[in-house]
Amino acid sequence: MSVNPRVVHKRRATITALPLYYSGHLLKKHTEDKDFKSYYGELRGATLFLYTDDTQDTYTEKLDLEQLKSMELNSPYQRKTPTIFTLTLLSEEVQLKMDNPDTGEEWRGYILTVVKVSKHAHIHRERERDATNSTEYCWVLVKKNPK
């Protein structure tokens, strides 16, 4: 019995509690591995969740893209050849392969956008925290030294 894809996506949204930005089939391998493994990937928030297929409820692996240091295209864009990206994260290096180069460009665009937005949000939260801390510190100074 096949599960309706809409039901699976709703279950995954409940499990991850993150918005879905992009999804599709891709191949993944660690740089030390010999062969690519097939996955169904979902880009939710700044995390790439990998499933064995599009009917699986819970993810098999996940990549935290907030840890992305660089993303390199291994071969120049060509219409008839697969696209391979190397993602260098803080703790590992992973290659993603898409058989369709146009799909590869879409994945690349979404990943880079999510990472950029995530980093800007992180910087904004840090600035807000610093501003709150300095305001609290100033208030303490004023309160302790009344005229």
N, C-alpha and C. Protein backbone atom coordinates (compact mmCIF):
# COMPACT_ATOMS: atom_id res chain seq x y z
N MET A 1 0.83 -1.18 0.00
CA MET A 1 0.00 0.00 0.00
C MET A 1 0.88 1.24 0.00
N SER A 2 0.62 2.14 -0.90
CA SER A 2 1.40 3.36 -1.03
C SER A 2 0.79 4.46 -0.16
N VAL A 3 1.67 5.22 0.49
CA VAL A 3 1.23 6.33 1.33
C VAL A 3 1.17 7.59 0.48
N ASN A 4 0.13 8.37 0.65
CA ASN A 4 -0.03 9.62 -0.07
C ASN A 4 1.15 10.55 0.28
N PRO A 5 1.85 11.10 -0.73
CA PRO A 5 3.00 11.97 -0.47
C PRO A 5 2.66 13.17 0.42
N ARG A 6 1.45 13.70 0.28
CA ARG A 6 1.05 14.83 1.12
C ARG A 6 1.04 14.46 2.60
N VAL A 7 0.59 13.24 2.90
CA VAL A 7 0.56 12.76 4.28
C VAL A 7 1.99 12.64 4.82
N VAL A 8 2.89 12.10 3.99
CA VAL A 8 4.29 11.94 4.40
C VAL A 8 4.92 13.31 4.68
N HIS A 9 4.68 14.29 3.80
CA HIS A 9 5.25 15.62 4.00
C HIS A 9 4.72 16.27 5.28
N LYS A 10 3.44 16.05 5.59
CA LYS A 10 2.88 16.60 6.83
C LYS A 10 3.52 15.94 8.05
N ARG A 11 3.72 14.63 7.99
CA ARG A 11 4.37 13.93 9.12
C ARG A 11 5.78 14.45 9.32
N ARG A 12 6.52 14.62 8.21
CA ARG A 12 7.89 15.12 8.31
C ARG A 12 7.91 16.54 8.87
N ALA A 13 6.97 17.36 8.48
CA ALA A 13 6.90 18.72 9.00
C ALA A 13 6.67 18.71 10.50
N THR A 14 5.83 17.78 10.96
CA THR A 14 5.57 17.65 12.38
C THR A 14 6.83 17.18 13.12
N ILE A 15 7.53 16.22 12.54
CA ILE A 15 8.74 15.66 13.18
C ILE A 15 9.85 16.70 13.25
N THR A 16 10.09 17.40 12.15
CA THR A 16 11.22 18.35 12.10
C THR A 16 10.86 19.73 12.63
N ALA A 17 9.60 20.11 12.56
CA ALA A 17 9.12 21.43 12.97
C ALA A 17 9.81 22.55 12.19
N LEU A 18 10.14 22.29 10.93
CA LEU A 18 10.80 23.28 10.09
C LEU A 18 10.07 23.41 8.76
N PRO A 19 10.11 24.60 8.14
CA PRO A 19 9.44 24.79 6.85
C PRO A 19 10.20 24.08 5.72
N LEU A 20 9.47 23.58 4.75
CA LEU A 20 10.06 22.91 3.59
C LEU A 20 10.34 23.95 2.51
N TYR A 21 11.62 24.05 2.09
CA TYR A 21 12.00 24.98 1.03
C TYR A 21 12.18 24.29 -0.32
N TYR A 22 12.70 23.07 -0.30
CA TYR A 22 12.96 22.38 -1.55
C TYR A 22 13.10 20.90 -1.26
N SER A 23 12.76 20.05 -2.25
CA SER A 23 12.90 18.61 -2.05
C SER A 23 13.12 17.93 -3.40
N GLY A 24 13.67 16.73 -3.33
CA GLY A 24 13.87 15.96 -4.55
C GLY A 24 14.90 14.86 -4.36
N HIS A 25 15.06 14.07 -5.40
CA HIS A 25 16.00 12.95 -5.36
C HIS A 25 17.41 13.46 -5.63
N LEU A 26 18.36 12.90 -4.89
CA LEU A 26 19.76 13.24 -5.06
C LEU A 26 20.62 12.07 -4.61
N LEU A 27 21.90 12.13 -4.93
CA LEU A 27 22.87 11.12 -4.51
C LEU A 27 23.86 11.79 -3.58
N LYS A 28 24.33 11.05 -2.56
CA LYS A 28 25.24 11.62 -1.57
C LYS A 28 26.34 10.63 -1.24
N LYS A 29 27.51 11.16 -0.98
CA LYS A 29 28.60 10.34 -0.45
C LYS A 29 29.56 11.23 0.31
N HIS A 30 30.21 10.63 1.30
CA HIS A 30 31.32 11.31 1.97
C HIS A 30 32.52 11.21 1.04
N THR A 31 33.42 12.15 1.12
CA THR A 31 34.53 12.16 0.16
C THR A 31 35.38 10.90 0.23
N GLU A 32 35.41 10.24 1.38
CA GLU A 32 36.21 9.01 1.48
C GLU A 32 35.48 7.77 0.96
N ASP A 33 34.16 7.88 0.73
CA ASP A 33 33.38 6.75 0.21
C ASP A 33 33.63 6.57 -1.28
N LYS A 34 33.43 5.35 -1.74
CA LYS A 34 33.66 5.05 -3.15
C LYS A 34 32.45 5.38 -4.02
N ASP A 35 31.26 5.01 -3.56
CA ASP A 35 30.05 5.16 -4.36
C ASP A 35 29.05 6.11 -3.72
N PHE A 36 28.25 6.72 -4.58
CA PHE A 36 27.15 7.56 -4.12
C PHE A 36 25.97 6.68 -3.70
N LYS A 37 25.20 7.14 -2.71
CA LYS A 37 23.98 6.45 -2.28
C LYS A 37 22.79 7.34 -2.65
N SER A 38 21.71 6.71 -3.07
CA SER A 38 20.51 7.44 -3.48
C SER A 38 19.67 7.81 -2.26
N TYR A 39 19.18 9.06 -2.24
CA TYR A 39 18.34 9.57 -1.16
C TYR A 39 17.24 10.43 -1.74
N TYR A 40 16.24 10.66 -0.92
CA TYR A 40 15.26 11.69 -1.17
C TYR A 40 15.59 12.78 -0.16
N GLY A 41 15.88 13.97 -0.63
CA GLY A 41 16.29 15.04 0.27
C GLY A 41 15.23 16.11 0.43
N GLU A 42 15.18 16.66 1.63
CA GLU A 42 14.29 17.79 1.92
C GLU A 42 15.12 18.87 2.60
N LEU A 43 15.06 20.05 2.06
CA LEU A 43 15.72 21.20 2.66
C LEU A 43 14.69 21.89 3.53
N ARG A 44 14.84 21.72 4.83
CA ARG A 44 13.92 22.30 5.81
C ARG A 44 14.74 23.20 6.72
N GLY A 45 14.37 24.47 6.77
CA GLY A 45 15.18 25.41 7.53
C GLY A 45 16.59 25.40 6.94
N ALA A 46 17.59 25.36 7.80
CA ALA A 46 18.99 25.30 7.34
C ALA A 46 19.52 23.87 7.47
N THR A 47 18.64 22.89 7.33
CA THR A 47 19.04 21.49 7.46
C THR A 47 18.58 20.71 6.24
N LEU A 48 19.47 19.88 5.74
CA LEU A 48 19.13 18.97 4.64
C LEU A 48 18.86 17.60 5.25
N PHE A 49 17.60 17.18 5.22
CA PHE A 49 17.20 15.88 5.74
C PHE A 49 17.23 14.87 4.59
N LEU A 50 17.83 13.72 4.83
CA LEU A 50 17.95 12.69 3.81
C LEU A 50 17.15 11.46 4.22
N TYR A 51 16.34 10.96 3.29
CA TYR A 51 15.48 9.80 3.50
C TYR A 51 15.84 8.74 2.47
N THR A 52 15.62 7.47 2.79
CA THR A 52 15.94 6.42 1.82
C THR A 52 15.04 6.51 0.60
N ASP A 53 13.80 6.98 0.77
CA ASP A 53 12.90 7.22 -0.36
C ASP A 53 11.86 8.26 0.04
N ASP A 54 10.99 8.61 -0.87
CA ASP A 54 10.04 9.69 -0.60
C ASP A 54 8.84 9.27 0.24
N THR A 55 8.79 8.00 0.68
CA THR A 55 7.68 7.55 1.53
C THR A 55 8.10 7.35 2.98
N GLN A 56 9.37 7.48 3.28
CA GLN A 56 9.88 7.26 4.64
C GLN A 56 9.52 8.46 5.52
N ASP A 57 9.01 8.18 6.73
CA ASP A 57 8.59 9.24 7.65
C ASP A 57 9.77 9.94 8.33
N THR A 58 10.71 9.15 8.82
CA THR A 58 11.82 9.72 9.57
C THR A 58 13.10 9.69 8.74
N TYR A 59 13.91 10.70 8.94
CA TYR A 59 15.12 10.83 8.14
C TYR A 59 16.18 9.81 8.54
N THR A 60 17.02 9.48 7.57
CA THR A 60 18.14 8.56 7.78
C THR A 60 19.37 9.33 8.22
N GLU A 61 19.59 10.47 7.58
CA GLU A 61 20.72 11.35 7.90
C GLU A 61 20.26 12.79 7.79
N LYS A 62 21.04 13.69 8.39
CA LYS A 62 20.77 15.11 8.19
C LYS A 62 22.09 15.86 8.16
N LEU A 63 22.10 16.94 7.38
CA LEU A 63 23.27 17.80 7.28
C LEU A 63 22.88 19.19 7.78
N ASP A 64 23.59 19.68 8.77
CA ASP A 64 23.34 21.01 9.32
C ASP A 64 24.08 22.02 8.45
N LEU A 65 23.36 22.73 7.62
CA LEU A 65 23.98 23.65 6.67
C LEU A 65 24.45 24.95 7.31
N GLU A 66 24.10 25.17 8.58
CA GLU A 66 24.65 26.32 9.29
C GLU A 66 26.15 26.14 9.50
N GLN A 67 26.63 24.91 9.39
CA GLN A 67 28.05 24.60 9.53
C GLN A 67 28.79 24.63 8.20
N LEU A 68 28.13 25.08 7.14
CA LEU A 68 28.73 25.09 5.81
C LEU A 68 29.84 26.13 5.74
N LYS A 69 31.05 25.67 5.38
CA LYS A 69 32.18 26.57 5.17
C LYS A 69 32.32 26.94 3.71
N SER A 70 32.08 25.97 2.82
CA SER A 70 32.15 26.26 1.38
C SER A 70 31.34 25.24 0.60
N MET A 71 30.99 25.64 -0.62
CA MET A 71 30.25 24.76 -1.53
C MET A 71 30.88 24.93 -2.90
N GLU A 72 31.47 23.86 -3.41
CA GLU A 72 32.18 23.93 -4.69
C GLU A 72 31.49 23.07 -5.73
N LEU A 73 31.43 23.58 -6.93
CA LEU A 73 30.94 22.83 -8.07
C LEU A 73 32.13 22.06 -8.63
N ASN A 74 32.05 20.72 -8.65
CA ASN A 74 33.19 19.89 -9.05
C ASN A 74 33.46 19.91 -10.54
N SER A 75 32.43 20.15 -11.33
CA SER A 75 32.64 20.21 -12.78
C SER A 75 31.85 21.39 -13.32
N PRO A 76 32.29 21.98 -14.41
CA PRO A 76 31.54 23.11 -14.96
C PRO A 76 30.14 22.67 -15.38
N TYR A 77 29.21 23.61 -15.29
CA TYR A 77 27.82 23.32 -15.66
C TYR A 77 27.76 22.91 -17.13
N GLN A 78 27.21 21.73 -17.34
CA GLN A 78 26.98 21.24 -18.70
C GLN A 78 25.60 20.60 -18.74
N ARG A 79 24.89 20.82 -19.79
CA ARG A 79 23.50 20.36 -19.88
C ARG A 79 23.33 18.85 -19.83
N LYS A 80 24.30 18.10 -20.27
CA LYS A 80 24.11 16.66 -20.40
C LYS A 80 24.85 15.82 -19.36
N THR A 81 25.53 16.45 -18.43
CA THR A 81 26.27 15.69 -17.43
C THR A 81 25.72 15.97 -16.04
N PRO A 82 25.85 15.01 -15.14
CA PRO A 82 25.38 15.21 -13.76
C PRO A 82 26.14 16.35 -13.08
N THR A 83 25.49 16.97 -12.12
CA THR A 83 26.11 18.03 -11.33
C THR A 83 26.57 17.44 -10.01
N ILE A 84 27.81 17.73 -9.61
CA ILE A 84 28.35 17.26 -8.33
C ILE A 84 28.86 18.47 -7.56
N PHE A 85 28.37 18.60 -6.32
CA PHE A 85 28.82 19.66 -5.42
C PHE A 85 29.57 19.03 -4.26
N THR A 86 30.60 19.70 -3.80
CA THR A 86 31.28 19.30 -2.57
C THR A 86 30.93 20.32 -1.51
N LEU A 87 30.28 19.85 -0.44
CA LEU A 87 29.93 20.70 0.69
C LEU A 87 30.97 20.48 1.78
N THR A 88 31.68 21.52 2.15
CA THR A 88 32.65 21.43 3.24
C THR A 88 31.98 22.00 4.48
N LEU A 89 31.69 21.11 5.43
CA LEU A 89 31.09 21.51 6.70
C LEU A 89 32.20 21.57 7.75
N LEU A 90 31.87 22.04 8.94
CA LEU A 90 32.88 22.14 9.98
C LEU A 90 33.49 20.79 10.33
N SER A 91 32.68 19.73 10.32
CA SER A 91 33.18 18.43 10.78
C SER A 91 33.30 17.37 9.70
N GLU A 92 32.85 17.66 8.48
CA GLU A 92 32.90 16.64 7.42
C GLU A 92 32.84 17.28 6.05
N GLU A 93 33.15 16.47 5.05
CA GLU A 93 33.04 16.91 3.67
C GLU A 93 32.14 15.91 2.94
N VAL A 94 31.14 16.42 2.25
CA VAL A 94 30.12 15.59 1.62
C VAL A 94 29.96 16.02 0.17
N GLN A 95 29.71 15.05 -0.69
CA GLN A 95 29.43 15.35 -2.09
C GLN A 95 27.97 15.03 -2.39
N LEU A 96 27.31 15.93 -3.10
CA LEU A 96 25.94 15.73 -3.55
C LEU A 96 25.96 15.69 -5.06
N LYS A 97 25.22 14.74 -5.62
CA LYS A 97 25.18 14.58 -7.07
C LYS A 97 23.73 14.58 -7.53
N MET A 98 23.46 15.34 -8.58
CA MET A 98 22.14 15.37 -9.19
C MET A 98 22.31 15.00 -10.66
N ASP A 99 21.52 14.05 -11.13
CA ASP A 99 21.63 13.60 -12.51
C ASP A 99 21.22 14.67 -13.51
N ASN A 100 20.31 15.53 -13.12
CA ASN A 100 19.84 16.60 -13.98
C ASN A 100 20.57 17.90 -13.58
N PRO A 101 21.34 18.51 -14.47
CA PRO A 101 22.09 19.72 -14.11
C PRO A 101 21.19 20.89 -13.72
N ASP A 102 20.00 20.99 -14.29
CA ASP A 102 19.09 22.07 -13.91
C ASP A 102 18.61 21.89 -12.47
N THR A 103 18.32 20.65 -12.10
CA THR A 103 17.94 20.36 -10.72
C THR A 103 19.10 20.66 -9.78
N GLY A 104 20.30 20.34 -10.21
CA GLY A 104 21.49 20.65 -9.42
C GLY A 104 21.62 22.14 -9.16
N GLU A 105 21.35 22.95 -10.16
CA GLU A 105 21.40 24.41 -9.99
C GLU A 105 20.33 24.88 -9.02
N GLU A 106 19.15 24.26 -9.07
CA GLU A 106 18.09 24.63 -8.12
C GLU A 106 18.51 24.29 -6.70
N TRP A 107 19.05 23.07 -6.49
CA TRP A 107 19.53 22.69 -5.16
C TRP A 107 20.57 23.70 -4.66
N ARG A 108 21.53 24.02 -5.52
CA ARG A 108 22.60 24.94 -5.15
C ARG A 108 22.03 26.30 -4.75
N GLY A 109 21.11 26.81 -5.53
CA GLY A 109 20.50 28.09 -5.22
C GLY A 109 19.77 28.10 -3.89
N TYR A 110 18.98 27.07 -3.65
CA TYR A 110 18.25 26.99 -2.38
C TYR A 110 19.20 26.83 -1.19
N ILE A 111 20.19 25.98 -1.33
CA ILE A 111 21.14 25.77 -0.22
C ILE A 111 21.86 27.07 0.10
N LEU A 112 22.39 27.75 -0.90
CA LEU A 112 23.12 29.00 -0.65
C LEU A 112 22.22 30.08 -0.08
N THR A 113 20.98 30.14 -0.53
CA THR A 113 20.04 31.12 0.01
C THR A 113 19.72 30.85 1.47
N VAL A 114 19.45 29.59 1.79
CA VAL A 114 19.11 29.23 3.17
C VAL A 114 20.30 29.50 4.10
N VAL A 115 21.50 29.17 3.65
CA VAL A 115 22.69 29.41 4.47
C VAL A 115 22.89 30.90 4.69
N LYS A 116 22.72 31.70 3.65
CA LYS A 116 22.90 33.15 3.77
C LYS A 116 21.88 33.74 4.73
N VAL A 117 20.62 33.37 4.57
CA VAL A 117 19.56 33.87 5.46
C VAL A 117 19.82 33.43 6.89
N SER A 118 20.23 32.19 7.07
CA SER A 118 20.50 31.65 8.40
C SER A 118 21.64 32.41 9.08
N LYS A 119 22.69 32.70 8.34
CA LYS A 119 23.83 33.42 8.92
C LYS A 119 23.44 34.85 9.27
N HIS A 120 22.64 35.51 8.41
CA HIS A 120 22.18 36.86 8.72
C HIS A 120 21.30 36.86 9.96
N ALA A 121 20.43 35.87 10.09
CA ALA A 121 19.57 35.78 11.27
C ALA A 121 20.41 35.56 12.53
N HIS A 122 21.45 34.75 12.42
CA HIS A 122 22.34 34.49 13.56
C HIS A 122 23.05 35.78 13.97
N ILE A 123 23.55 36.54 13.00
CA ILE A 123 24.23 37.80 13.30
C ILE A 123 23.25 38.77 13.94
N HIS A 124 22.03 38.83 13.42
CA HIS A 124 21.01 39.73 13.97
C HIS A 124 20.69 39.36 15.43
N ARG A 125 20.54 38.05 15.71
CA ARG A 125 20.28 37.61 17.09
C ARG A 125 21.43 37.98 18.01
N GLU A 126 22.67 37.84 17.53
CA GLU A 126 23.84 38.20 18.33
C GLU A 126 23.84 39.70 18.64
N ARG A 127 23.53 40.52 17.64
CA ARG A 127 23.50 41.97 17.86
C ARG A 127 22.41 42.35 18.84
N GLU A 128 21.23 41.72 18.71
CA GLU A 128 20.15 42.00 19.66
C GLU A 128 20.55 41.61 21.07
N ARG A 129 21.20 40.46 21.21
CA ARG A 129 21.64 40.01 22.53
C ARG A 129 22.67 40.98 23.11
N ASP A 130 23.62 41.41 22.28
CA ASP A 130 24.64 42.35 22.74
C ASP A 130 24.00 43.68 23.14
N ALA A 131 23.03 44.14 22.35
CA ALA A 131 22.36 45.40 22.67
C ALA A 131 21.58 45.27 23.97
N THR A 132 20.91 44.16 24.17
CA THR A 132 20.15 43.93 25.41
C THR A 132 21.09 43.89 26.60
N ASN A 133 22.20 43.18 26.46
CA ASN A 133 23.17 43.09 27.55
C ASN A 133 23.76 44.46 27.89
N SER A 134 24.10 45.27 26.88
CA SER A 134 24.68 46.58 27.16
C SER A 134 23.64 47.51 27.78
N THR A 135 22.37 47.40 27.36
CA THR A 135 21.31 48.21 27.96
C THR A 135 21.12 47.84 29.42
N GLU A 136 21.11 46.55 29.72
CA GLU A 136 20.98 46.10 31.11
C GLU A 136 22.16 46.58 31.93
N TYR A 137 23.36 46.55 31.35
CA TYR A 137 24.55 46.99 32.07
C TYR A 137 24.46 48.49 32.36
N CYS A 138 24.01 49.29 31.37
CA CYS A 138 23.86 50.73 31.58
C CYS A 138 22.82 51.01 32.66
N TRP A 139 21.74 50.26 32.66
CA TRP A 139 20.68 50.44 33.66
C TRP A 139 21.22 50.15 35.06
N VAL A 140 22.04 49.13 35.19
CA VAL A 140 22.65 48.81 36.47
C VAL A 140 23.55 49.94 36.92
N LEU A 141 24.34 50.51 36.01
CA LEU A 141 25.22 51.63 36.36
C LEU A 141 24.43 52.84 36.81
N VAL A 142 23.35 53.15 36.12
CA VAL A 142 22.53 54.29 36.48
C VAL A 142 21.86 54.07 37.82
N LYS A 143 21.38 52.88 38.04
CA LYS A 143 20.66 52.57 39.28
C LYS A 143 21.60 52.60 40.48
N LYS A 144 22.82 52.16 40.31
CA LYS A 144 23.75 52.13 41.43
C LYS A 144 24.33 53.49 41.74
N ASN A 145 24.35 54.40 40.78
CA ASN A 145 24.96 55.71 40.98
C ASN A 145 23.93 56.84 40.84
N PRO A 146 22.90 56.86 41.68
CA PRO A 146 21.90 57.92 41.55
C PRO A 146 22.47 59.27 42.01
N LYS A 147 21.97 60.39 41.46
CA LYS A 147 22.46 61.72 41.85
C LYS A 147 21.54 62.36 42.82
